[in-house]
């Protein structure tokens, strides 16, 4: 198992795994807008060459729950060269329900599967706990099965041995109550081929995932982390965001480098239709082979955030897409994607 590790997201992908928004009882009036945002994301990631009609970016592997959903998804995505698989699932959060893919020597790719308990028992949906096994089977990779609970959105890697996470999630008694911090570190590092686990504290206000790292801090290259900065004290996450940057600046990675911290704006106070603060985050972007997709929220900070994140990825184009409909379900674009690395590629 030590021969495998999770590569950084910017390493080349063989595919991106996603799931077509389908559950009308979950999405209600947001189903059609969520499908529109999902489709826009897929179009951006596929990055189809207008001359050849072939994707220059991601090879999309799309789960659909049944044949009716397949027809809808094919109508929306078929021109992108997407591949469709009928696999029952609860909802579209592939970052957490799909396996985490690893790479190893000799060009090998493996799938790491973990226990899944509906984000600490809060959202237990039929079929979600079986998605990782089905995806690993379809991908036809060697598979490692781990008995402890781990969601892909709770860990962030630099591809060189460093893993970021939060205490709010991984040390939450609703995940692995029998494991203390030292045991969690051993299990996560062994499973993902890491050398050093760095702990942040709390996540965003009203984050249903209990503080997933992919909404607060992301590696953009080894030794460099991006996080958000509140524009004013009116930002509901102002104190949390300031604490995150203080903690990050005091950390060193697995190679002994003190982390360089880059800040982008926060969306500020984004409210649901019911008037509740939602965990809107620009750092829930997804790094595709040719395109970085950044969620936007109708905030005055949207354009500045997309521009600043784009500057961090000069070898890729950056596309901002309205994620408010997706966020109504609990997350944004990083939450609904899972990368499968290209064999033989390193960190």
C-alpha atoms as a PDB file:
ATOM      1  CA  UNK A   1       0.000   0.000   0.000  1.00  0.00           C
ATOM      2  CA  UNK A   2       2.909   2.380   0.664  1.00  0.00           C
ATOM      3  CA  UNK A   3       3.747   2.146  -3.042  1.00  0.00           C
ATOM      4  CA  UNK A   4       0.620   4.182  -3.844  1.00  0.00           C
ATOM      5  CA  UNK A   5      -0.248   7.779  -3.072  1.00  0.00           C
ATOM      6  CA  UNK A   6      -2.943  10.283  -3.949  1.00  0.00           C
ATOM      7  CA  UNK A   7      -1.555  12.659  -6.569  1.00  0.00           C
ATOM      8  CA  UNK A   8      -2.272  16.367  -6.467  1.00  0.00           C
ATOM      9  CA  UNK A   9      -5.377  17.440  -8.353  1.00  0.00           C
ATOM     10  CA  UNK A  10      -3.312  19.341 -10.934  1.00  0.00           C
ATOM     11  CA  UNK A  11      -1.574  16.129 -12.046  1.00  0.00           C
ATOM     12  CA  UNK A  12      -2.977  14.818 -15.373  1.00  0.00           C
ATOM     13  CA  UNK A  13      -6.334  13.055 -15.232  1.00  0.00           C
ATOM     14  CA  UNK A  14      -7.528  10.049 -17.163  1.00  0.00           C
ATOM     15  CA  UNK A  15     -11.113  11.013 -16.313  1.00  0.00           C
ATOM     16  CA  UNK A  16     -13.410  13.006 -14.058  1.00  0.00           C
ATOM     17  CA  UNK A  17     -16.268  11.112 -12.403  1.00  0.00           C
ATOM     18  CA  UNK A  18     -19.573  12.915 -11.911  1.00  0.00           C
ATOM     19  CA  UNK A  19     -23.237  12.026 -11.336  1.00  0.00           C
ATOM     20  CA  UNK A  20     -26.242  13.492 -13.160  1.00  0.00           C
ATOM     21  CA  UNK A  21     -28.562  15.446 -10.788  1.00  0.00           C
ATOM     22  CA  UNK A  22     -31.630  13.244 -10.601  1.00  0.00           C
ATOM     23  CA  UNK A  23     -33.400  13.184  -7.233  1.00  0.00           C
ATOM     24  CA  UNK A  24     -36.417  15.478  -7.568  1.00  0.00           C
ATOM     25  CA  UNK A  25     -37.387  14.814  -3.947  1.00  0.00           C
ATOM     26  CA  UNK A  26     -34.035  16.220  -2.813  1.00  0.00           C
ATOM     27  CA  UNK A  27     -33.551  19.094  -5.256  1.00  0.00           C
ATOM     28  CA  UNK A  28     -37.212  20.149  -5.575  1.00  0.00           C
ATOM     29  CA  UNK A  29     -37.442  23.466  -7.478  1.00  0.00           C
ATOM     30  CA  UNK A  30     -33.646  23.586  -7.768  1.00  0.00           C
ATOM     31  CA  UNK A  31     -33.376  20.436  -9.902  1.00  0.00           C
ATOM     32  CA  UNK A  32     -33.498  22.178 -13.288  1.00  0.00           C
ATOM     33  CA  UNK A  33     -31.095  24.975 -12.224  1.00  0.00           C
ATOM     34  CA  UNK A  34     -28.757  22.380 -10.707  1.00  0.00           C
ATOM     35  CA  UNK A  35     -28.754  20.435 -13.971  1.00  0.00           C
ATOM     36  CA  UNK A  36     -27.986  23.634 -15.870  1.00  0.00           C
ATOM     37  CA  UNK A  37     -25.030  24.453 -13.602  1.00  0.00           C
ATOM     38  CA  UNK A  38     -23.823  20.845 -13.733  1.00  0.00           C
ATOM     39  CA  UNK A  39     -23.995  20.880 -17.539  1.00  0.00           C
ATOM     40  CA  UNK A  40     -22.106  24.189 -17.698  1.00  0.00           C
ATOM     41  CA  UNK A  41     -19.397  22.702 -15.495  1.00  0.00           C
ATOM     42  CA  UNK A  42     -19.108  19.622 -17.708  1.00  0.00           C
ATOM     43  CA  UNK A  43     -18.931  21.742 -20.870  1.00  0.00           C
ATOM     44  CA  UNK A  44     -16.117  23.794 -19.364  1.00  0.00           C
ATOM     45  CA  UNK A  45     -14.190  20.743 -18.168  1.00  0.00           C
ATOM     46  CA  UNK A  46     -14.539  18.820 -21.432  1.00  0.00           C
ATOM     47  CA  UNK A  47     -13.191  21.858 -23.319  1.00  0.00           C
ATOM     48  CA  UNK A  48     -14.255  20.580 -26.733  1.00  0.00           C
ATOM     49  CA  UNK A  49     -12.108  21.694 -29.654  1.00  0.00           C
ATOM     50  CA  UNK A  50     -14.454  23.602 -32.006  1.00  0.00           C
ATOM     51  CA  UNK A  51     -12.497  22.444 -35.026  1.00  0.00           C
ATOM     52  CA  UNK A  52     -12.266  18.717 -34.329  1.00  0.00           C
ATOM     53  CA  UNK A  53     -15.228  18.316 -31.967  1.00  0.00           C
ATOM     54  CA  UNK A  54     -13.027  16.318 -29.594  1.00  0.00           C
ATOM     55  CA  UNK A  55     -12.562  17.056 -25.881  1.00  0.00           C
ATOM     56  CA  UNK A  56      -9.227  18.687 -25.049  1.00  0.00           C
ATOM     57  CA  UNK A  57      -9.866  18.517 -21.321  1.00  0.00           C
ATOM     58  CA  UNK A  58     -11.630  15.927 -19.216  1.00  0.00           C
ATOM     59  CA  UNK A  59     -12.986  12.548 -20.221  1.00  0.00           C
ATOM     60  CA  UNK A  60     -16.274  12.611 -18.337  1.00  0.00           C
ATOM     61  CA  UNK A  61     -17.480   9.419 -16.667  1.00  0.00           C
ATOM     62  CA  UNK A  62     -21.105  10.093 -15.761  1.00  0.00           C
ATOM     63  CA  UNK A  63     -23.252   8.059 -13.374  1.00  0.00           C
ATOM     64  CA  UNK A  64     -26.999   7.953 -14.067  1.00  0.00           C
ATOM     65  CA  UNK A  65     -29.456   6.142 -11.797  1.00  0.00           C
ATOM     66  CA  UNK A  66     -31.609   4.626 -14.551  1.00  0.00           C
ATOM     67  CA  UNK A  67     -32.285   4.615 -18.285  1.00  0.00           C
ATOM     68  CA  UNK A  68     -34.622   7.604 -18.109  1.00  0.00           C
ATOM     69  CA  UNK A  69     -31.891   9.688 -16.510  1.00  0.00           C
ATOM     70  CA  UNK A  70     -29.413   8.367 -19.074  1.00  0.00           C
ATOM     71  CA  UNK A  71     -31.517   9.790 -21.897  1.00  0.00           C
ATOM     72  CA  UNK A  72     -31.624  13.202 -20.232  1.00  0.00           C
ATOM     73  CA  UNK A  73     -27.915  13.192 -19.461  1.00  0.00           C
ATOM     74  CA  UNK A  74     -26.979  12.069 -22.964  1.00  0.00           C
ATOM     75  CA  UNK A  75     -29.049  14.860 -24.466  1.00  0.00           C
ATOM     76  CA  UNK A  76     -27.208  17.399 -22.324  1.00  0.00           C
ATOM     77  CA  UNK A  77     -23.683  15.938 -22.364  1.00  0.00           C
ATOM     78  CA  UNK A  78     -23.415  13.531 -25.282  1.00  0.00           C
ATOM     79  CA  UNK A  79     -21.604  16.031 -27.494  1.00  0.00           C
ATOM     80  CA  UNK A  80     -18.822  16.211 -24.914  1.00  0.00           C
ATOM     81  CA  UNK A  81     -17.668  12.644 -25.464  1.00  0.00           C
ATOM     82  CA  UNK A  82     -19.019  11.629 -22.062  1.00  0.00           C
ATOM     83  CA  UNK A  83     -19.361   7.976 -21.077  1.00  0.00           C
ATOM     84  CA  UNK A  84     -22.505   6.987 -19.151  1.00  0.00           C
ATOM     85  CA  UNK A  85     -22.926   4.268 -16.516  1.00  0.00           C
ATOM     86  CA  UNK A  86     -26.206   3.162 -14.945  1.00  0.00           C
ATOM     87  CA  UNK A  87     -25.312   3.057 -11.253  1.00  0.00           C
ATOM     88  CA  UNK A  88     -27.849   3.802  -8.499  1.00  0.00           C
ATOM     89  CA  UNK A  89     -26.786   6.620  -6.171  1.00  0.00           C
ATOM     90  CA  UNK A  90     -28.367   8.796  -3.512  1.00  0.00           C
ATOM     91  CA  UNK A  91     -27.069  12.168  -4.671  1.00  0.00           C
ATOM     92  CA  UNK A  92     -24.324  13.750  -6.748  1.00  0.00           C
ATOM     93  CA  UNK A  93     -21.540  14.330  -4.181  1.00  0.00           C
ATOM     94  CA  UNK A  94     -18.915  12.216  -5.927  1.00  0.00           C
ATOM     95  CA  UNK A  95     -16.041  13.745  -3.998  1.00  0.00           C
ATOM     96  CA  UNK A  96     -17.317  11.884  -0.943  1.00  0.00           C
ATOM     97  CA  UNK A  97     -19.086   8.762  -2.229  1.00  0.00           C
ATOM     98  CA  UNK A  98     -16.679   7.741  -5.023  1.00  0.00           C
ATOM     99  CA  UNK A  99     -13.303   6.135  -4.301  1.00  0.00           C
ATOM    100  CA  UNK A 100     -10.149   8.185  -3.944  1.00  0.00           C
ATOM    101  CA  UNK A 101      -7.834   7.230  -6.792  1.00  0.00           C
ATOM    102  CA  UNK A 102      -4.134   6.646  -6.191  1.00  0.00           C
ATOM    103  CA  UNK A 103      -1.092   6.176  -8.412  1.00  0.00           C
ATOM    104  CA  UNK A 104       1.878   3.873  -7.976  1.00  0.00           C
ATOM    105  CA  UNK A 105       4.951   2.576  -9.717  1.00  0.00           C
ATOM    106  CA  UNK A 106       4.816   1.077 -13.180  1.00  0.00           C
ATOM    107  CA  UNK A 107       1.963   3.323 -14.261  1.00  0.00           C
ATOM    108  CA  UNK A 108      -0.479   1.657 -11.877  1.00  0.00           C
ATOM    109  CA  UNK A 109      -3.676   3.288 -10.647  1.00  0.00           C
ATOM    110  CA  UNK A 110      -5.616   2.029  -7.626  1.00  0.00           C
ATOM    111  CA  UNK A 111      -8.926   2.900  -5.997  1.00  0.00           C
ATOM    112  CA  UNK A 112      -9.076   3.465  -2.230  1.00  0.00           C
ATOM    113  CA  UNK A 113     -12.514   2.757  -0.746  1.00  0.00           C
ATOM    114  CA  UNK A 114     -13.611   3.911   2.685  1.00  0.00           C
ATOM    115  CA  UNK A 115     -16.641   3.467   4.889  1.00  0.00           C
ATOM    116  CA  UNK A 116     -19.334   6.077   4.245  1.00  0.00           C
ATOM    117  CA  UNK A 117     -21.961   6.964   6.845  1.00  0.00           C
ATOM    118  CA  UNK A 118     -23.820   9.877   5.299  1.00  0.00           C
ATOM    119  CA  UNK A 119     -21.633  12.677   6.671  1.00  0.00           C
ATOM    120  CA  UNK A 120     -21.868  11.527  10.241  1.00  0.00           C
ATOM    121  CA  UNK A 121     -25.379  10.116   9.893  1.00  0.00           C
ATOM    122  CA  UNK A 122     -26.981  13.409   8.849  1.00  0.00           C
ATOM    123  CA  UNK A 123     -27.818  12.500   5.236  1.00  0.00           C
ATOM    124  CA  UNK A 124     -28.085   8.758   4.821  1.00  0.00           C
ATOM    125  CA  UNK A 125     -29.336   8.099   1.295  1.00  0.00           C
ATOM    126  CA  UNK A 126     -29.956   4.743  -0.317  1.00  0.00           C
ATOM    127  CA  UNK A 127     -27.130   3.483  -2.559  1.00  0.00           C
ATOM    128  CA  UNK A 128     -24.536   6.141  -1.588  1.00  0.00           C
ATOM    129  CA  UNK A 129     -22.526   3.636   0.441  1.00  0.00           C
ATOM    130  CA  UNK A 130     -22.210   1.353  -2.606  1.00  0.00           C
ATOM    131  CA  UNK A 131     -21.061   3.919  -5.190  1.00  0.00           C
ATOM    132  CA  UNK A 132     -17.337   3.613  -4.429  1.00  0.00           C
ATOM    133  CA  UNK A 133     -17.363  -0.146  -5.048  1.00  0.00           C
ATOM    134  CA  UNK A 134     -19.238   0.223  -8.334  1.00  0.00           C
ATOM    135  CA  UNK A 135     -16.979   3.001  -9.614  1.00  0.00           C
ATOM    136  CA  UNK A 136     -13.860   1.027  -8.705  1.00  0.00           C
ATOM    137  CA  UNK A 137     -15.302  -1.986 -10.525  1.00  0.00           C
ATOM    138  CA  UNK A 138     -16.104   0.042 -13.650  1.00  0.00           C
ATOM    139  CA  UNK A 139     -12.677   1.710 -13.631  1.00  0.00           C
ATOM    140  CA  UNK A 140     -11.084  -1.757 -13.353  1.00  0.00           C
ATOM    141  CA  UNK A 141      -8.317  -0.727 -10.999  1.00  0.00           C
ATOM    142  CA  UNK A 142      -6.737  -2.530  -8.098  1.00  0.00           C
ATOM    143  CA  UNK A 143      -8.786  -1.681  -5.005  1.00  0.00           C
ATOM    144  CA  UNK A 144      -7.886  -1.161  -1.364  1.00  0.00           C
ATOM    145  CA  UNK A 145     -10.739  -1.269   1.148  1.00  0.00           C
ATOM    146  CA  UNK A 146     -10.447   0.604   4.443  1.00  0.00           C
ATOM    147  CA  UNK A 147     -12.943   0.135   7.289  1.00  0.00           C
ATOM    148  CA  UNK A 148     -12.808   3.678   8.683  1.00  0.00           C
ATOM    149  CA  UNK A 149     -14.972   6.623   7.577  1.00  0.00           C
ATOM    150  CA  UNK A 150     -13.294   9.106   5.240  1.00  0.00           C
ATOM    151  CA  UNK A 151     -14.843  11.492   2.716  1.00  0.00           C
ATOM    152  CA  UNK A 152     -12.769  12.799  -0.171  1.00  0.00           C
ATOM    153  CA  UNK A 153     -13.703  16.399   0.587  1.00  0.00           C
ATOM    154  CA  UNK A 154     -12.196  16.119   4.056  1.00  0.00           C
ATOM    155  CA  UNK A 155      -8.614  15.734   2.791  1.00  0.00           C
ATOM    156  CA  UNK A 156      -6.469  17.905   0.513  1.00  0.00           C
ATOM    157  CA  UNK A 157      -3.090  16.727  -0.794  1.00  0.00           C
ATOM    158  CA  UNK A 158      -0.072  18.352  -2.429  1.00  0.00           C
ATOM    159  CA  UNK A 159       1.120  15.148  -4.129  1.00  0.00           C
ATOM    160  CA  UNK A 160       4.420  15.330  -2.214  1.00  0.00           C
ATOM    161  CA  UNK A 161       3.339  13.737   1.048  1.00  0.00           C
ATOM    162  CA  UNK A 162       1.398  16.557   2.738  1.00  0.00           C
ATOM    163  CA  UNK A 163      -2.289  16.202   3.623  1.00  0.00           C
ATOM    164  CA  UNK A 164      -4.514  18.970   5.006  1.00  0.00           C
ATOM    165  CA  UNK A 165      -7.675  18.302   6.990  1.00  0.00           C
ATOM    166  CA  UNK A 166      -9.818  19.708   9.825  1.00  0.00           C
ATOM    167  CA  UNK A 167     -10.404  18.593  13.375  1.00  0.00           C
ATOM    168  CA  UNK A 168     -14.075  19.486  13.055  1.00  0.00           C
ATOM    169  CA  UNK A 169     -14.513  16.696  10.519  1.00  0.00           C
ATOM    170  CA  UNK A 170     -11.930  13.962  11.036  1.00  0.00           C
ATOM    171  CA  UNK A 171     -11.995  14.150  14.831  1.00  0.00           C
ATOM    172  CA  UNK A 172     -15.771  14.447  14.963  1.00  0.00           C
ATOM    173  CA  UNK A 173     -17.270  11.627  17.052  1.00  0.00           C
ATOM    174  CA  UNK A 174     -19.880  11.110  14.319  1.00  0.00           C
ATOM    175  CA  UNK A 175     -17.169   9.725  11.993  1.00  0.00           C
ATOM    176  CA  UNK A 176     -14.734   7.406  13.803  1.00  0.00           C
ATOM    177  CA  UNK A 177     -15.449   7.624  17.540  1.00  0.00           C
ATOM    178  CA  UNK A 178     -13.067   4.792  18.423  1.00  0.00           C
ATOM    179  CA  UNK A 179     -10.033   6.525  16.864  1.00  0.00           C
ATOM    180  CA  UNK A 180      -8.029   9.263  18.565  1.00  0.00           C
ATOM    181  CA  UNK A 181      -5.979  11.852  16.666  1.00  0.00           C
ATOM    182  CA  UNK A 182      -2.872   9.684  16.494  1.00  0.00           C
ATOM    183  CA  UNK A 183      -4.839   6.714  15.142  1.00  0.00           C
ATOM    184  CA  UNK A 184      -6.602   8.874  12.571  1.00  0.00           C
ATOM    185  CA  UNK A 185      -3.265  10.221  11.392  1.00  0.00           C
ATOM    186  CA  UNK A 186      -1.832   6.711  11.012  1.00  0.00           C
ATOM    187  CA  UNK A 187      -4.859   5.458   9.067  1.00  0.00           C
ATOM    188  CA  UNK A 188      -5.144   8.447   6.720  1.00  0.00           C
ATOM    189  CA  UNK A 189      -1.439   8.686   5.961  1.00  0.00           C
ATOM    190  CA  UNK A 190      -1.204   4.966   5.265  1.00  0.00           C
ATOM    191  CA  UNK A 191      -4.316   4.905   3.090  1.00  0.00           C
ATOM    192  CA  UNK A 192      -3.361   7.911   0.947  1.00  0.00           C
ATOM    193  CA  UNK A 193       0.403   7.414   0.902  1.00  0.00           C
ATOM    194  CA  UNK A 194       1.064  10.592   2.856  1.00  0.00           C
ATOM    195  CA  UNK A 195       3.907  11.551   5.173  1.00  0.00           C
ATOM    196  CA  UNK A 196       2.506  14.459   7.205  1.00  0.00           C
ATOM    197  CA  UNK A 197      -1.050  15.373   8.212  1.00  0.00           C
ATOM    198  CA  UNK A 198      -1.721  19.045   8.989  1.00  0.00           C
ATOM    199  CA  UNK A 199      -4.739  19.942  11.105  1.00  0.00           C
ATOM    200  CA  UNK A 200      -6.889  23.050  10.804  1.00  0.00           C
ATOM    201  CA  UNK A 201      -9.768  23.672  13.203  1.00  0.00           C
ATOM    202  CA  UNK A 202     -13.241  24.752  12.124  1.00  0.00           C
ATOM    203  CA  UNK A 203     -14.884  25.047   8.728  1.00  0.00           C
ATOM    204  CA  UNK A 204     -17.491  27.463   7.400  1.00  0.00           C
ATOM    205  CA  UNK A 205     -20.724  28.395   9.146  1.00  0.00           C
ATOM    206  CA  UNK A 206     -23.552  25.925   8.417  1.00  0.00           C
ATOM    207  CA  UNK A 207     -21.313  23.514   6.514  1.00  0.00           C
ATOM    208  CA  UNK A 208     -23.307  20.270   6.499  1.00  0.00           C
ATOM    209  CA  UNK A 209     -20.094  18.272   6.063  1.00  0.00           C
ATOM    210  CA  UNK A 210     -18.670  19.355   9.438  1.00  0.00           C
ATOM    211  CA  UNK A 211     -15.872  21.474   8.048  1.00  0.00           C
ATOM    212  CA  UNK A 212     -14.604  19.819   4.880  1.00  0.00           C
ATOM    213  CA  UNK A 213     -11.176  21.158   3.980  1.00  0.00           C
ATOM    214  CA  UNK A 214     -12.110  21.703   0.319  1.00  0.00           C
ATOM    215  CA  UNK A 215     -14.242  24.712   1.269  1.00  0.00           C
ATOM    216  CA  UNK A 216     -11.529  26.503   3.269  1.00  0.00           C
ATOM    217  CA  UNK A 217      -7.985  25.691   2.055  1.00  0.00           C
ATOM    218  CA  UNK A 218      -6.578  24.187  -1.142  1.00  0.00           C
ATOM    219  CA  UNK A 219      -3.111  23.439  -2.445  1.00  0.00           C
ATOM    220  CA  UNK A 220      -2.377  25.134  -5.763  1.00  0.00           C
ATOM    221  CA  UNK A 221       1.180  23.802  -5.989  1.00  0.00           C
ATOM    222  CA  UNK A 222       3.528  22.160  -3.507  1.00  0.00           C
ATOM    223  CA  UNK A 223       4.133  24.484  -0.585  1.00  0.00           C
ATOM    224  CA  UNK A 224       1.424  26.960  -1.607  1.00  0.00           C
ATOM    225  CA  UNK A 225      -2.116  27.043  -0.179  1.00  0.00           C
ATOM    226  CA  UNK A 226      -5.005  29.305  -1.128  1.00  0.00           C
ATOM    227  CA  UNK A 227      -7.672  30.339   1.360  1.00  0.00           C
ATOM    228  CA  UNK A 228     -10.194  33.175   1.653  1.00  0.00           C
ATOM    229  CA  UNK A 229     -10.213  36.630   3.203  1.00  0.00           C
ATOM    230  CA  UNK A 230     -13.325  38.351   4.528  1.00  0.00           C
ATOM    231  CA  UNK A 231     -14.036  41.774   3.053  1.00  0.00           C
ATOM    232  CA  UNK A 232     -15.541  43.041   6.297  1.00  0.00           C
ATOM    233  CA  UNK A 233     -16.607  42.056   9.793  1.00  0.00           C
ATOM    234  CA  UNK A 234     -20.070  41.455   8.331  1.00  0.00           C
ATOM    235  CA  UNK A 235     -18.788  38.249   6.731  1.00  0.00           C
ATOM    236  CA  UNK A 236     -20.205  35.381   8.847  1.00  0.00           C
ATOM    237  CA  UNK A 237     -16.883  33.545   8.494  1.00  0.00           C
ATOM    238  CA  UNK A 238     -14.543  36.473   9.204  1.00  0.00           C
ATOM    239  CA  UNK A 239     -13.057  35.057  12.423  1.00  0.00           C
ATOM    240  CA  UNK A 240     -12.800  31.519  11.054  1.00  0.00           C
ATOM    241  CA  UNK A 241     -11.017  32.710   7.898  1.00  0.00           C
ATOM    242  CA  UNK A 242      -8.524  34.787   9.870  1.00  0.00           C
ATOM    243  CA  UNK A 243      -7.801  31.811  12.112  1.00  0.00           C
ATOM    244  CA  UNK A 244      -7.209  29.575   9.113  1.00  0.00           C
ATOM    245  CA  UNK A 245      -4.567  31.860   7.615  1.00  0.00           C
ATOM    246  CA  UNK A 246      -2.787  32.227  10.977  1.00  0.00           C
ATOM    247  CA  UNK A 247      -2.651  28.460  11.392  1.00  0.00           C
ATOM    248  CA  UNK A 248      -1.495  27.822   7.834  1.00  0.00           C
ATOM    249  CA  UNK A 249       1.324  30.361   8.043  1.00  0.00           C
ATOM    250  CA  UNK A 250       2.701  28.541  11.080  1.00  0.00           C
ATOM    251  CA  UNK A 251       2.786  25.155   9.338  1.00  0.00           C
ATOM    252  CA  UNK A 252       5.497  23.318   7.423  1.00  0.00           C
ATOM    253  CA  UNK A 253       4.812  20.621   4.862  1.00  0.00           C
ATOM    254  CA  UNK A 254       6.229  17.108   4.487  1.00  0.00           C
ATOM    255  CA  UNK A 255       9.304  18.508   2.726  1.00  0.00           C
ATOM    256  CA  UNK A 256       9.992  20.985   5.538  1.00  0.00           C
ATOM    257  CA  UNK A 257       8.810  24.078   3.648  1.00  0.00           C
ATOM    258  CA  UNK A 258       6.885  26.741   5.536  1.00  0.00           C
ATOM    259  CA  UNK A 259       3.576  27.084   3.746  1.00  0.00           C
ATOM    260  CA  UNK A 260       3.080  30.098   1.509  1.00  0.00           C
ATOM    261  CA  UNK A 261      -0.499  31.338   1.901  1.00  0.00           C
ATOM    262  CA  UNK A 262      -2.355  33.143  -0.877  1.00  0.00           C
ATOM    263  CA  UNK A 263      -5.703  34.758  -0.087  1.00  0.00           C
ATOM    264  CA  UNK A 264      -8.649  35.365  -2.388  1.00  0.00           C
ATOM    265  CA  UNK A 265     -11.860  37.176  -1.446  1.00  0.00           C
ATOM    266  CA  UNK A 266     -14.684  35.464   0.374  1.00  0.00           C
ATOM    267  CA  UNK A 267     -18.144  35.646  -1.210  1.00  0.00           C
ATOM    268  CA  UNK A 268     -19.335  37.242   2.027  1.00  0.00           C
ATOM    269  CA  UNK A 269     -22.811  36.733   3.447  1.00  0.00           C
ATOM    270  CA  UNK A 270     -24.645  34.490   0.962  1.00  0.00           C
ATOM    271  CA  UNK A 271     -28.163  33.499   2.002  1.00  0.00           C
ATOM    272  CA  UNK A 272     -30.493  30.691   0.996  1.00  0.00           C
ATOM    273  CA  UNK A 273     -34.047  31.371  -0.151  1.00  0.00           C
ATOM    274  CA  UNK A 274     -35.039  30.798   3.465  1.00  0.00           C
ATOM    275  CA  UNK A 275     -32.648  33.508   4.627  1.00  0.00           C
ATOM    276  CA  UNK A 276     -30.048  31.201   6.188  1.00  0.00           C
ATOM    277  CA  UNK A 277     -26.300  31.681   5.752  1.00  0.00           C
ATOM    278  CA  UNK A 278     -24.915  29.076   3.319  1.00  0.00           C
ATOM    279  CA  UNK A 279     -21.287  27.830   3.163  1.00  0.00           C
ATOM    280  CA  UNK A 280     -20.361  29.575  -0.093  1.00  0.00           C
ATOM    281  CA  UNK A 281     -16.683  29.173  -0.995  1.00  0.00           C
ATOM    282  CA  UNK A 282     -14.598  30.166  -3.979  1.00  0.00           C
ATOM    283  CA  UNK A 283     -11.926  27.630  -3.033  1.00  0.00           C
ATOM    284  CA  UNK A 284     -14.329  24.805  -3.824  1.00  0.00           C
ATOM    285  CA  UNK A 285     -12.959  25.013  -7.376  1.00  0.00           C
ATOM    286  CA  UNK A 286     -12.048  21.963  -9.464  1.00  0.00           C
ATOM    287  CA  UNK A 287      -8.750  21.690 -11.330  1.00  0.00           C
ATOM    288  CA  UNK A 288      -9.280  19.946 -14.676  1.00  0.00           C
ATOM    289  CA  UNK A 289      -6.647  19.086 -17.279  1.00  0.00           C
ATOM    290  CA  UNK A 290      -7.173  22.320 -19.190  1.00  0.00           C
ATOM    291  CA  UNK A 291      -9.717  24.246 -17.130  1.00  0.00           C
ATOM    292  CA  UNK A 292     -10.248  25.368 -13.541  1.00  0.00           C
ATOM    293  CA  UNK A 293     -13.951  25.737 -12.733  1.00  0.00           C
ATOM    294  CA  UNK A 294     -14.624  28.268  -9.974  1.00  0.00           C
ATOM    295  CA  UNK A 295     -18.028  28.542  -8.257  1.00  0.00           C
ATOM    296  CA  UNK A 296     -19.668  31.966  -8.171  1.00  0.00           C
ATOM    297  CA  UNK A 297     -22.586  33.141  -6.044  1.00  0.00           C
ATOM    298  CA  UNK A 298     -23.895  36.471  -7.345  1.00  0.00           C
ATOM    299  CA  UNK A 299     -21.484  38.268  -5.002  1.00  0.00           C
ATOM    300  CA  UNK A 300     -19.661  41.499  -5.783  1.00  0.00           C
ATOM    301  CA  UNK A 301     -16.467  39.478  -5.189  1.00  0.00           C
ATOM    302  CA  UNK A 302     -17.169  36.926  -7.932  1.00  0.00           C
ATOM    303  CA  UNK A 303     -15.115  38.463 -10.743  1.00  0.00           C
ATOM    304  CA  UNK A 304     -12.162  39.298  -8.497  1.00  0.00           C
ATOM    305  CA  UNK A 305     -12.098  35.782  -7.045  1.00  0.00           C
ATOM    306  CA  UNK A 306     -12.180  34.124 -10.479  1.00  0.00           C
ATOM    307  CA  UNK A 307      -9.401  36.436 -11.692  1.00  0.00           C
ATOM    308  CA  UNK A 308      -7.196  35.787  -8.663  1.00  0.00           C
ATOM    309  CA  UNK A 309      -7.687  32.025  -8.762  1.00  0.00           C
ATOM    310  CA  UNK A 310      -6.985  32.092 -12.492  1.00  0.00           C
ATOM    311  CA  UNK A 311      -3.658  33.790 -11.821  1.00  0.00           C
ATOM    312  CA  UNK A 312      -2.664  30.786  -9.715  1.00  0.00           C
ATOM    313  CA  UNK A 313      -3.097  28.457 -12.718  1.00  0.00           C
ATOM    314  CA  UNK A 314      -1.437  30.250 -15.658  1.00  0.00           C
ATOM    315  CA  UNK A 315      -1.260  27.051 -17.710  1.00  0.00           C
ATOM    316  CA  UNK A 316      -5.038  26.555 -17.595  1.00  0.00           C
ATOM    317  CA  UNK A 317      -8.048  28.651 -18.468  1.00  0.00           C
ATOM    318  CA  UNK A 318     -10.341  29.599 -15.580  1.00  0.00           C
ATOM    319  CA  UNK A 319     -14.137  29.644 -15.863  1.00  0.00           C
ATOM    320  CA  UNK A 320     -16.528  31.002 -13.254  1.00  0.00           C
ATOM    321  CA  UNK A 321     -19.960  29.326 -13.117  1.00  0.00           C
ATOM    322  CA  UNK A 322     -22.921  30.221 -10.914  1.00  0.00           C
ATOM    323  CA  UNK A 323     -23.048  27.535  -8.223  1.00  0.00           C
ATOM    324  CA  UNK A 324     -26.012  28.754  -6.187  1.00  0.00           C
ATOM    325  CA  UNK A 325     -28.298  25.965  -7.380  1.00  0.00           C
ATOM    326  CA  UNK A 326     -25.657  23.322  -6.594  1.00  0.00           C
ATOM    327  CA  UNK A 327     -25.013  24.933  -3.205  1.00  0.00           C
ATOM    328  CA  UNK A 328     -28.711  24.576  -2.379  1.00  0.00           C
ATOM    329  CA  UNK A 329     -27.904  20.865  -2.097  1.00  0.00           C
ATOM    330  CA  UNK A 330     -24.920  21.430   0.168  1.00  0.00           C
ATOM    331  CA  UNK A 331     -21.775  21.987  -1.901  1.00  0.00           C
ATOM    332  CA  UNK A 332     -20.194  23.271  -5.115  1.00  0.00           C
ATOM    333  CA  UNK A 333     -18.104  22.021  -8.020  1.00  0.00           C
ATOM    334  CA  UNK A 334     -15.270  20.323  -6.147  1.00  0.00           C
ATOM    335  CA  UNK A 335     -17.868  18.429  -4.122  1.00  0.00           C
ATOM    336  CA  UNK A 336     -19.502  16.949  -7.241  1.00  0.00           C
ATOM    337  CA  UNK A 337     -16.329  15.782  -9.006  1.00  0.00           C
ATOM    338  CA  UNK A 338     -13.731  13.081  -8.397  1.00  0.00           C
ATOM    339  CA  UNK A 339     -10.589  12.843 -10.509  1.00  0.00           C
ATOM    340  CA  UNK A 340      -9.102   9.620 -11.775  1.00  0.00           C
ATOM    341  CA  UNK A 341      -5.381  10.243 -12.369  1.00  0.00           C
ATOM    342  CA  UNK A 342      -3.582   9.151 -15.472  1.00  0.00           C
ATOM    343  CA  UNK A 343      -1.417   6.106 -14.843  1.00  0.00           C
ATOM    344  CA  UNK A 344       2.266   6.718 -14.379  1.00  0.00           C
ATOM    345  CA  UNK A 345       1.833  10.329 -13.288  1.00  0.00           C
ATOM    346  CA  UNK A 346       3.306  11.510 -10.049  1.00  0.00           C
ATOM    347  CA  UNK A 347       2.440  14.292  -7.616  1.00  0.00           C
END
